[in-house]
Every structure is written in structure tokens, then in C-alpha cells.
Amino acid sequence: MGRAFVAFDDAVFNGAGEIPRKYRELIALAVALTTQCDACLKGHARAAVEHGATDEELAETTYITAALRAGGGIVHGIKALGAVQRTSVA
């Protein structure tokens, strides 16, 4: 299973695709920021820079991730309020 995962990961990041490698790494960084995987954060930040990402792009990726996480918190908070109230919260 470990070898299969490494082969899959290699195909995702090094294989042919429509998304350039720098952007694949920035997407991976955003996911790593969301999942808070320390090894993934470091690895994908370094790989993004190796493939041309700037500090500004790393920062923007961080802010995009923060906005999505905050939005998810708000949406789920509304769902929680709706679960305890008889009327829907919009």
C-alpha cells in the first residue's frame, strides 16, 4: 500500500496534467493548511517555491485558506443554530 501511495502521489504531482506544477503545489498547500498536516505544510510550501511560487503567492494561499475555513465555520454555525431552533436561520 505504501508503494502504491508513493506511485499515486508521484503521478499527481509529476505526471501529465493541465495544471502547472506550481499551482498543484499551491493547491496542495491550501489543503495542508486546512488539514494542518505539518509535514505536508513544509513539503508543499518548499515544492511550491521550487516551482516558482513567490512569498506573496504563499501568503495569498494562506489567506484564501483562512477565508474558506472561516466561511465553513459560519455555515456550520448557522446549521447548529438551525438544529436547536424551530425556525430556519438565514
PDB file of N, CA and C in Angstrom:
ATOM      1  N   MET A   1       0.815  -1.179   0.000  1.00  0.00           N
ATOM      2  CA  MET A   1       0.000   0.000   0.000  1.00  0.00           C
ATOM      3  C   MET A   1       0.865   1.250   0.000  1.00  0.00           C
ATOM      4  N   GLY A   2       1.965   1.196   0.731  1.00  0.00           N
ATOM      5  CA  GLY A   2       2.859   2.346   0.772  1.00  0.00           C
ATOM      6  C   GLY A   2       3.432   2.667  -0.595  1.00  0.00           C
ATOM      7  N   ARG A   3       3.884   1.636  -1.309  1.00  0.00           N
ATOM      8  CA  ARG A   3       4.419   1.848  -2.658  1.00  0.00           C
ATOM      9  C   ARG A   3       3.337   2.374  -3.590  1.00  0.00           C
ATOM     10  N   ALA A   4       2.130   1.874  -3.441  1.00  0.00           N
ATOM     11  CA  ALA A   4       1.027   2.340  -4.286  1.00  0.00           C
ATOM     12  C   ALA A   4       0.732   3.814  -4.023  1.00  0.00           C
ATOM     13  N   PHE A   5       0.781   4.214  -2.758  1.00  0.00           N
ATOM     14  CA  PHE A   5       0.553   5.624  -2.445  1.00  0.00           C
ATOM     15  C   PHE A   5       1.645   6.498  -3.041  1.00  0.00           C
ATOM     16  N   VAL A   6       2.901   6.081  -2.909  1.00  0.00           N
ATOM     17  CA  VAL A   6       4.016   6.861  -3.457  1.00  0.00           C
ATOM     18  C   VAL A   6       3.865   6.993  -4.962  1.00  0.00           C
ATOM     19  N   ALA A   7       3.469   5.925  -5.643  1.00  0.00           N
ATOM     20  CA  ALA A   7       3.267   5.982  -7.095  1.00  0.00           C
ATOM     21  C   ALA A   7       2.121   6.920  -7.446  1.00  0.00           C
ATOM     22  N   PHE A   8       1.039   6.864  -6.679  1.00  0.00           N
ATOM     23  CA  PHE A   8      -0.103   7.761  -6.909  1.00  0.00           C
ATOM     24  C   PHE A   8       0.305   9.215  -6.705  1.00  0.00           C
ATOM     25  N   ASP A   9       0.988   9.478  -5.600  1.00  0.00           N
ATOM     26  CA  ASP A   9       1.442  10.836  -5.298  1.00  0.00           C
ATOM     27  C   ASP A   9       2.362  11.355  -6.403  1.00  0.00           C
ATOM     28  N   ASP A  10       3.256  10.504  -6.867  1.00  0.00           N
ATOM     29  CA  ASP A  10       4.164  10.881  -7.940  1.00  0.00           C
ATOM     30  C   ASP A  10       3.388  11.204  -9.219  1.00  0.00           C
ATOM     31  N   ALA A  11       2.381  10.413  -9.532  1.00  0.00           N
ATOM     32  CA  ALA A  11       1.571  10.672 -10.721  1.00  0.00           C
ATOM     33  C   ALA A  11       0.813  11.986 -10.594  1.00  0.00           C
ATOM     34  N   VAL A  12       0.303  12.279  -9.412  1.00  0.00           N
ATOM     35  CA  VAL A  12      -0.445  13.519  -9.194  1.00  0.00           C
ATOM     36  C   VAL A  12       0.447  14.739  -9.374  1.00  0.00           C
ATOM     37  N   PHE A  13       1.621  14.715  -8.780  1.00  0.00           N
ATOM     38  CA  PHE A  13       2.472  15.899  -8.795  1.00  0.00           C
ATOM     39  C   PHE A  13       3.455  15.956  -9.960  1.00  0.00           C
ATOM     40  N   ASN A  14       3.886  14.814 -10.479  1.00  0.00           N
ATOM     41  CA  ASN A  14       4.887  14.813 -11.539  1.00  0.00           C
ATOM     42  C   ASN A  14       4.346  14.358 -12.888  1.00  0.00           C
ATOM     43  N   GLY A  15       3.148  13.805 -12.905  1.00  0.00           N
ATOM     44  CA  GLY A  15       2.580  13.307 -14.149  1.00  0.00           C
ATOM     45  C   GLY A  15       2.028  14.435 -15.011  1.00  0.00           C
ATOM     46  N   ALA A  16       1.596  14.027 -16.194  1.00  0.00           N
ATOM     47  CA  ALA A  16       0.994  14.992 -17.116  1.00  0.00           C
ATOM     48  C   ALA A  16      -0.301  15.516 -16.514  1.00  0.00           C
ATOM     49  N   GLY A  17      -0.583  16.758 -16.801  1.00  0.00           N
ATOM     50  CA  GLY A  17      -1.821  17.363 -16.318  1.00  0.00           C
ATOM     51  C   GLY A  17      -1.985  18.747 -16.880  1.00  0.00           C
ATOM     52  N   GLU A  18      -3.135  19.296 -16.693  1.00  0.00           N
ATOM     53  CA  GLU A  18      -3.439  20.627 -17.213  1.00  0.00           C
ATOM     54  C   GLU A  18      -2.981  21.737 -16.276  1.00  0.00           C
ATOM     55  N   ILE A  19      -2.861  21.439 -15.001  1.00  0.00           N
ATOM     56  CA  ILE A  19      -2.486  22.455 -14.008  1.00  0.00           C
ATOM     57  C   ILE A  19      -0.972  22.438 -13.843  1.00  0.00           C
ATOM     58  N   PRO A  20      -0.306  23.582 -14.060  1.00  0.00           N
ATOM     59  CA  PRO A  20       1.153  23.630 -13.880  1.00  0.00           C
ATOM     60  C   PRO A  20       1.553  23.240 -12.455  1.00  0.00           C
ATOM     61  N   ARG A  21       2.752  22.697 -12.333  1.00  0.00           N
ATOM     62  CA  ARG A  21       3.237  22.177 -11.042  1.00  0.00           C
ATOM     63  C   ARG A  21       3.170  23.216  -9.927  1.00  0.00           C
ATOM     64  N   LYS A  22       3.527  24.470 -10.201  1.00  0.00           N
ATOM     65  CA  LYS A  22       3.477  25.492  -9.147  1.00  0.00           C
ATOM     66  C   LYS A  22       2.078  25.569  -8.555  1.00  0.00           C
ATOM     67  N   TYR A  23       1.070  25.542  -9.401  1.00  0.00           N
ATOM     68  CA  TYR A  23      -0.309  25.659  -8.918  1.00  0.00           C
ATOM     69  C   TYR A  23      -0.783  24.378  -8.245  1.00  0.00           C
ATOM     70  N   ARG A  24      -0.294  23.235  -8.700  1.00  0.00           N
ATOM     71  CA  ARG A  24      -0.606  21.987  -7.992  1.00  0.00           C
ATOM     72  C   ARG A  24      -0.092  22.072  -6.561  1.00  0.00           C
ATOM     73  N   GLU A  25       1.129  22.609  -6.414  1.00  0.00           N
ATOM     74  CA  GLU A  25       1.718  22.721  -5.072  1.00  0.00           C
ATOM     75  C   GLU A  25       0.983  23.746  -4.216  1.00  0.00           C
ATOM     76  N   LEU A  26       0.541  24.850  -4.804  1.00  0.00           N
ATOM     77  CA  LEU A  26      -0.214  25.846  -4.035  1.00  0.00           C
ATOM     78  C   LEU A  26      -1.569  25.281  -3.599  1.00  0.00           C
ATOM     79  N   ILE A  27      -2.204  24.498  -4.466  1.00  0.00           N
ATOM     80  CA  ILE A  27      -3.451  23.831  -4.081  1.00  0.00           C
ATOM     81  C   ILE A  27      -3.174  22.867  -2.925  1.00  0.00           C
ATOM     82  N   ALA A  28      -2.105  22.081  -3.062  1.00  0.00           N
ATOM     83  CA  ALA A  28      -1.738  21.132  -2.001  1.00  0.00           C
ATOM     84  C   ALA A  28      -1.436  21.868  -0.702  1.00  0.00           C
ATOM     85  N   LEU A  29      -0.787  23.017  -0.804  1.00  0.00           N
ATOM     86  CA  LEU A  29      -0.506  23.805   0.393  1.00  0.00           C
ATOM     87  C   LEU A  29      -1.799  24.262   1.049  1.00  0.00           C
ATOM     88  N   ALA A  30      -2.755  24.716   0.253  1.00  0.00           N
ATOM     89  CA  ALA A  30      -4.038  25.149   0.814  1.00  0.00           C
ATOM     90  C   ALA A  30      -4.729  23.999   1.544  1.00  0.00           C
ATOM     91  N   VAL A  31      -4.694  22.810   0.954  1.00  0.00           N
ATOM     92  CA  VAL A  31      -5.290  21.646   1.609  1.00  0.00           C
ATOM     93  C   VAL A  31      -4.524  21.323   2.890  1.00  0.00           C
ATOM     94  N   ALA A  32      -3.193  21.390   2.826  1.00  0.00           N
ATOM     95  CA  ALA A  32      -2.380  21.108   4.012  1.00  0.00           C
ATOM     96  C   ALA A  32      -2.652  22.116   5.124  1.00  0.00           C
ATOM     97  N   LEU A  33      -2.874  23.367   4.750  1.00  0.00           N
ATOM     98  CA  LEU A  33      -3.217  24.372   5.756  1.00  0.00           C
ATOM     99  C   LEU A  33      -4.562  24.035   6.399  1.00  0.00           C
ATOM    100  N   THR A  34      -5.483  23.517   5.615  1.00  0.00           N
ATOM    101  CA  THR A  34      -6.801  23.151   6.134  1.00  0.00           C
ATOM    102  C   THR A  34      -6.716  21.929   7.041  1.00  0.00           C
ATOM    103  N   THR A  35      -5.961  20.922   6.613  1.00  0.00           N
ATOM    104  CA  THR A  35      -5.853  19.696   7.412  1.00  0.00           C
ATOM    105  C   THR A  35      -4.832  19.831   8.530  1.00  0.00           C
ATOM    106  N   GLN A  36      -4.007  20.859   8.451  1.00  0.00           N
ATOM    107  CA  GLN A  36      -2.979  21.168   9.441  1.00  0.00           C
ATOM    108  C   GLN A  36      -1.965  20.036   9.602  1.00  0.00           C
ATOM    109  N   CYS A  37      -1.569  19.464   8.457  1.00  0.00           N
ATOM    110  CA  CYS A  37      -0.533  18.431   8.442  1.00  0.00           C
ATOM    111  C   CYS A  37       0.819  19.130   8.351  1.00  0.00           C
ATOM    112  N   ASP A  38       1.617  19.032   9.403  1.00  0.00           N
ATOM    113  CA  ASP A  38       2.895  19.730   9.470  1.00  0.00           C
ATOM    114  C   ASP A  38       3.844  19.323   8.353  1.00  0.00           C
ATOM    115  N   ALA A  39       3.975  18.030   8.113  1.00  0.00           N
ATOM    116  CA  ALA A  39       4.884  17.560   7.060  1.00  0.00           C
ATOM    117  C   ALA A  39       4.418  18.037   5.688  1.00  0.00           C
ATOM    118  N   CYS A  40       3.110  18.007   5.454  1.00  0.00           N
ATOM    119  CA  CYS A  40       2.573  18.460   4.163  1.00  0.00           C
ATOM    120  C   CYS A  40       2.767  19.968   3.988  1.00  0.00           C
ATOM    121  N   LEU A  41       2.569  20.722   5.074  1.00  0.00           N
ATOM    122  CA  LEU A  41       2.780  22.174   5.008  1.00  0.00           C
ATOM    123  C   LEU A  41       4.191  22.487   4.534  1.00  0.00           C
ATOM    124  N   LYS A  42       5.158  21.872   5.188  1.00  0.00           N
ATOM    125  CA  LYS A  42       6.556  22.144   4.862  1.00  0.00           C
ATOM    126  C   LYS A  42       6.902  21.656   3.462  1.00  0.00           C
ATOM    127  N   GLY A  43       6.514  20.447   3.147  1.00  0.00           N
ATOM    128  CA  GLY A  43       6.860  19.862   1.864  1.00  0.00           C
ATOM    129  C   GLY A  43       6.259  20.606   0.686  1.00  0.00           C
ATOM    130  N   HIS A  44       4.987  20.950   0.786  1.00  0.00           N
ATOM    131  CA  HIS A  44       4.334  21.616  -0.339  1.00  0.00           C
ATOM    132  C   HIS A  44       4.703  23.092  -0.433  1.00  0.00           C
ATOM    133  N   ALA A  45       4.987  23.732   0.688  1.00  0.00           N
ATOM    134  CA  ALA A  45       5.481  25.116   0.621  1.00  0.00           C
ATOM    135  C   ALA A  45       6.839  25.146  -0.075  1.00  0.00           C
ATOM    136  N   ARG A  46       7.716  24.221   0.309  1.00  0.00           N
ATOM    137  CA  ARG A  46       9.045  24.166  -0.321  1.00  0.00           C
ATOM    138  C   ARG A  46       8.933  23.824  -1.801  1.00  0.00           C
ATOM    139  N   ALA A  47       8.084  22.859  -2.128  1.00  0.00           N
ATOM    140  CA  ALA A  47       7.932  22.462  -3.533  1.00  0.00           C
ATOM    141  C   ALA A  47       7.327  23.601  -4.354  1.00  0.00           C
ATOM    142  N   ALA A  48       6.379  24.342  -3.768  1.00  0.00           N
ATOM    143  CA  ALA A  48       5.784  25.476  -4.482  1.00  0.00           C
ATOM    144  C   ALA A  48       6.861  26.499  -4.824  1.00  0.00           C
ATOM    145  N   VAL A  49       7.727  26.797  -3.865  1.00  0.00           N
ATOM    146  CA  VAL A  49       8.814  27.757  -4.103  1.00  0.00           C
ATOM    147  C   VAL A  49       9.785  27.208  -5.149  1.00  0.00           C
ATOM    148  N   GLU A  50      10.108  25.922  -5.064  1.00  0.00           N
ATOM    149  CA  GLU A  50      10.993  25.297  -6.062  1.00  0.00           C
ATOM    150  C   GLU A  50      10.432  25.439  -7.476  1.00  0.00           C
ATOM    151  N   HIS A  51       9.114  25.496  -7.568  1.00  0.00           N
ATOM    152  CA  HIS A  51       8.463  25.574  -8.878  1.00  0.00           C
ATOM    153  C   HIS A  51       7.996  26.984  -9.203  1.00  0.00           C
ATOM    154  N   GLY A  52       8.563  27.973  -8.487  1.00  0.00           N
ATOM    155  CA  GLY A  52       8.365  29.363  -8.874  1.00  0.00           C
ATOM    156  C   GLY A  52       7.400  30.191  -8.064  1.00  0.00           C
ATOM    157  N   ALA A  53       6.816  29.641  -7.013  1.00  0.00           N
ATOM    158  CA  ALA A  53       5.889  30.424  -6.197  1.00  0.00           C
ATOM    159  C   ALA A  53       6.647  31.496  -5.414  1.00  0.00           C
ATOM    160  N   THR A  54       6.043  32.656  -5.302  1.00  0.00           N
ATOM    161  CA  THR A  54       6.630  33.771  -4.558  1.00  0.00           C
ATOM    162  C   THR A  54       6.101  33.770  -3.129  1.00  0.00           C
ATOM    163  N   ASP A  55       6.749  34.549  -2.280  1.00  0.00           N
ATOM    164  CA  ASP A  55       6.256  34.708  -0.908  1.00  0.00           C
ATOM    165  C   ASP A  55       4.839  35.273  -0.921  1.00  0.00           C
ATOM    166  N   GLU A  56       4.581  36.174  -1.844  1.00  0.00           N
ATOM    167  CA  GLU A  56       3.249  36.775  -1.943  1.00  0.00           C
ATOM    168  C   GLU A  56       2.197  35.722  -2.317  1.00  0.00           C
ATOM    169  N   GLU A  57       2.561  34.789  -3.195  1.00  0.00           N
ATOM    170  CA  GLU A  57       1.624  33.723  -3.559  1.00  0.00           C
ATOM    171  C   GLU A  57       1.388  32.771  -2.390  1.00  0.00           C
ATOM    172  N   LEU A  58       2.435  32.496  -1.617  1.00  0.00           N
ATOM    173  CA  LEU A  58       2.259  31.663  -0.425  1.00  0.00           C
ATOM    174  C   LEU A  58       1.344  32.357   0.579  1.00  0.00           C
ATOM    175  N   ALA A  59       1.532  33.659   0.746  1.00  0.00           N
ATOM    176  CA  ALA A  59       0.679  34.415   1.671  1.00  0.00           C
ATOM    177  C   ALA A  59      -0.764  34.436   1.181  1.00  0.00           C
ATOM    178  N   GLU A  60      -0.961  34.668  -0.113  1.00  0.00           N
ATOM    179  CA  GLU A  60      -2.322  34.702  -0.653  1.00  0.00           C
ATOM    180  C   GLU A  60      -3.004  33.349  -0.504  1.00  0.00           C
ATOM    181  N   THR A  61      -2.263  32.275  -0.708  1.00  0.00           N
ATOM    182  CA  THR A  61      -2.800  30.930  -0.500  1.00  0.00           C
ATOM    183  C   THR A  61      -3.253  30.770   0.943  1.00  0.00           C
ATOM    184  N   THR A  62      -2.475  31.299   1.874  1.00  0.00           N
ATOM    185  CA  THR A  62      -2.836  31.245   3.290  1.00  0.00           C
ATOM    186  C   THR A  62      -4.136  31.997   3.555  1.00  0.00           C
ATOM    187  N   TYR A  63      -4.268  33.189   2.977  1.00  0.00           N
ATOM    188  CA  TYR A  63      -5.485  33.989   3.195  1.00  0.00           C
ATOM    189  C   TYR A  63      -6.701  33.344   2.547  1.00  0.00           C
ATOM    190  N   ILE A  64      -6.528  32.756   1.374  1.00  0.00           N
ATOM    191  CA  ILE A  64      -7.643  32.049   0.732  1.00  0.00           C
ATOM    192  C   ILE A  64      -8.103  30.907   1.623  1.00  0.00           C
ATOM    193  N   THR A  65      -7.147  30.150   2.152  1.00  0.00           N
ATOM    194  CA  THR A  65      -7.470  29.040   3.049  1.00  0.00           C
ATOM    195  C   THR A  65      -8.200  29.537   4.295  1.00  0.00           C
ATOM    196  N   ALA A  66      -7.712  30.617   4.880  1.00  0.00           N
ATOM    197  CA  ALA A  66      -8.345  31.172   6.083  1.00  0.00           C
ATOM    198  C   ALA A  66      -9.774  31.618   5.792  1.00  0.00           C
ATOM    199  N   ALA A  67      -9.997  32.227   4.629  1.00  0.00           N
ATOM    200  CA  ALA A  67     -11.343  32.678   4.265  1.00  0.00           C
ATOM    201  C   ALA A  67     -12.295  31.487   4.132  1.00  0.00           C
ATOM    202  N   LEU A  68     -11.818  30.420   3.507  1.00  0.00           N
ATOM    203  CA  LEU A  68     -12.671  29.242   3.348  1.00  0.00           C
ATOM    204  C   LEU A  68     -12.965  28.580   4.684  1.00  0.00           C
ATOM    205  N   ARG A  69     -11.953  28.502   5.537  1.00  0.00           N
ATOM    206  CA  ARG A  69     -12.190  27.895   6.857  1.00  0.00           C
ATOM    207  C   ARG A  69     -13.159  28.738   7.672  1.00  0.00           C
ATOM    208  N   ALA A  70     -13.013  30.052   7.605  1.00  0.00           N
ATOM    209  CA  ALA A  70     -13.932  30.932   8.337  1.00  0.00           C
ATOM    210  C   ALA A  70     -15.344  30.798   7.784  1.00  0.00           C
ATOM    211  N   GLY A  71     -15.459  30.754   6.471  1.00  0.00           N
ATOM    212  CA  GLY A  71     -16.772  30.591   5.847  1.00  0.00           C
ATOM    213  C   GLY A  71     -17.426  29.290   6.262  1.00  0.00           C
ATOM    214  N   GLY A  72     -16.634  28.224   6.296  1.00  0.00           N
ATOM    215  CA  GLY A  72     -17.162  26.930   6.740  1.00  0.00           C
ATOM    216  C   GLY A  72     -17.646  26.989   8.180  1.00  0.00           C
ATOM    217  N   GLY A  73     -16.907  27.701   9.018  1.00  0.00           N
ATOM    218  CA  GLY A  73     -17.330  27.855  10.416  1.00  0.00           C
ATOM    219  C   GLY A  73     -18.655  28.584  10.526  1.00  0.00           C
ATOM    220  N   ILE A  74     -18.826  29.624   9.736  1.00  0.00           N
ATOM    221  CA  ILE A  74     -20.085  30.385   9.750  1.00  0.00           C
ATOM    222  C   ILE A  74     -21.236  29.515   9.274  1.00  0.00           C
ATOM    223  N   VAL A  75     -21.049  28.818   8.148  1.00  0.00           N
ATOM    224  CA  VAL A  75     -22.116  27.967   7.612  1.00  0.00           C
ATOM    225  C   VAL A  75     -22.503  26.884   8.617  1.00  0.00           C
ATOM    226  N   HIS A  76     -21.519  26.250   9.230  1.00  0.00           N
ATOM    227  CA  HIS A  76     -21.832  25.202  10.197  1.00  0.00           C
ATOM    228  C   HIS A  76     -22.441  25.778  11.473  1.00  0.00           C
ATOM    229  N   GLY A  77     -22.043  26.989  11.831  1.00  0.00           N
ATOM    230  CA  GLY A  77     -22.673  27.652  12.972  1.00  0.00           C
ATOM    231  C   GLY A  77     -24.152  27.908  12.710  1.00  0.00           C
ATOM    232  N   ILE A  78     -24.464  28.327  11.497  1.00  0.00           N
ATOM    233  CA  ILE A  78     -25.867  28.545  11.121  1.00  0.00           C
ATOM    234  C   ILE A  78     -26.634  27.225  11.181  1.00  0.00           C
ATOM    235  N   LYS A  79     -26.015  26.146  10.709  1.00  0.00           N
ATOM    236  CA  LYS A  79     -26.659  24.826  10.787  1.00  0.00           C
ATOM    237  C   LYS A  79     -26.903  24.428  12.241  1.00  0.00           C
ATOM    238  N   ALA A  80     -25.917  24.701  13.112  1.00  0.00           N
ATOM    239  CA  ALA A  80     -26.075  24.376  14.533  1.00  0.00           C
ATOM    240  C   ALA A  80     -27.218  25.164  15.145  1.00  0.00           C
ATOM    241  N   LEU A  81     -27.288  26.455  14.817  1.00  0.00           N
ATOM    242  CA  LEU A  81     -28.399  27.261  15.324  1.00  0.00           C
ATOM    243  C   LEU A  81     -29.732  26.741  14.804  1.00  0.00           C
ATOM    244  N   GLY A  82     -29.765  26.352  13.541  1.00  0.00           N
ATOM    245  CA  GLY A  82     -30.988  25.805  12.956  1.00  0.00           C
ATOM    246  C   GLY A  82     -31.409  24.503  13.615  1.00  0.00           C
ATOM    247  N   ALA A  83     -30.448  23.738  14.096  1.00  0.00           N
ATOM    248  CA  ALA A  83     -30.757  22.465  14.742  1.00  0.00           C
ATOM    249  C   ALA A  83     -31.442  22.629  16.083  1.00  0.00           C
ATOM    250  N   VAL A  84     -31.253  23.791  16.695  1.00  0.00           N
ATOM    251  CA  VAL A  84     -31.855  23.982  18.027  1.00  0.00           C
ATOM    252  C   VAL A  84     -33.000  24.998  18.007  1.00  0.00           C
ATOM    253  N   GLN A  85     -33.298  25.562  16.861  1.00  0.00           N
ATOM    254  CA  GLN A  85     -34.400  26.486  16.752  1.00  0.00           C
ATOM    255  C   GLN A  85     -35.475  25.910  15.847  1.00  0.00           C
ATOM    256  N   ARG A  86     -36.721  26.295  16.099  1.00  0.00           N
ATOM    257  CA  ARG A  86     -37.832  25.804  15.287  1.00  0.00           C
ATOM    258  C   ARG A  86     -37.899  26.497  13.943  1.00  0.00           C
ATOM    259  N   THR A  87     -37.371  27.703  13.832  1.00  0.00           N
ATOM    260  CA  THR A  87     -37.377  28.412  12.553  1.00  0.00           C
ATOM    261  C   THR A  87     -35.985  28.393  11.972  1.00  0.00           C
ATOM    262  N   SER A  88     -35.907  28.421  10.687  1.00  0.00           N
ATOM    263  CA  SER A  88     -34.617  28.382   9.999  1.00  0.00           C
ATOM    264  C   SER A  88     -33.874  29.693  10.203  1.00  0.00           C
ATOM    265  N   VAL A  89     -32.573  29.603  10.340  1.00  0.00           N
ATOM    266  CA  VAL A  89     -31.711  30.782  10.479  1.00  0.00           C
ATOM    267  C   VAL A  89     -31.060  31.028   9.132  1.00  0.00           C
ATOM    268  N   ALA A  90     -31.203  32.246   8.608  1.00  0.00           N
ATOM    269  CA  ALA A  90     -30.609  32.532   7.305  1.00  0.00           C
ATOM    270  C   ALA A  90     -29.532  33.571   7.413  1.00  0.00           C
TER     271      ALA A  90
END
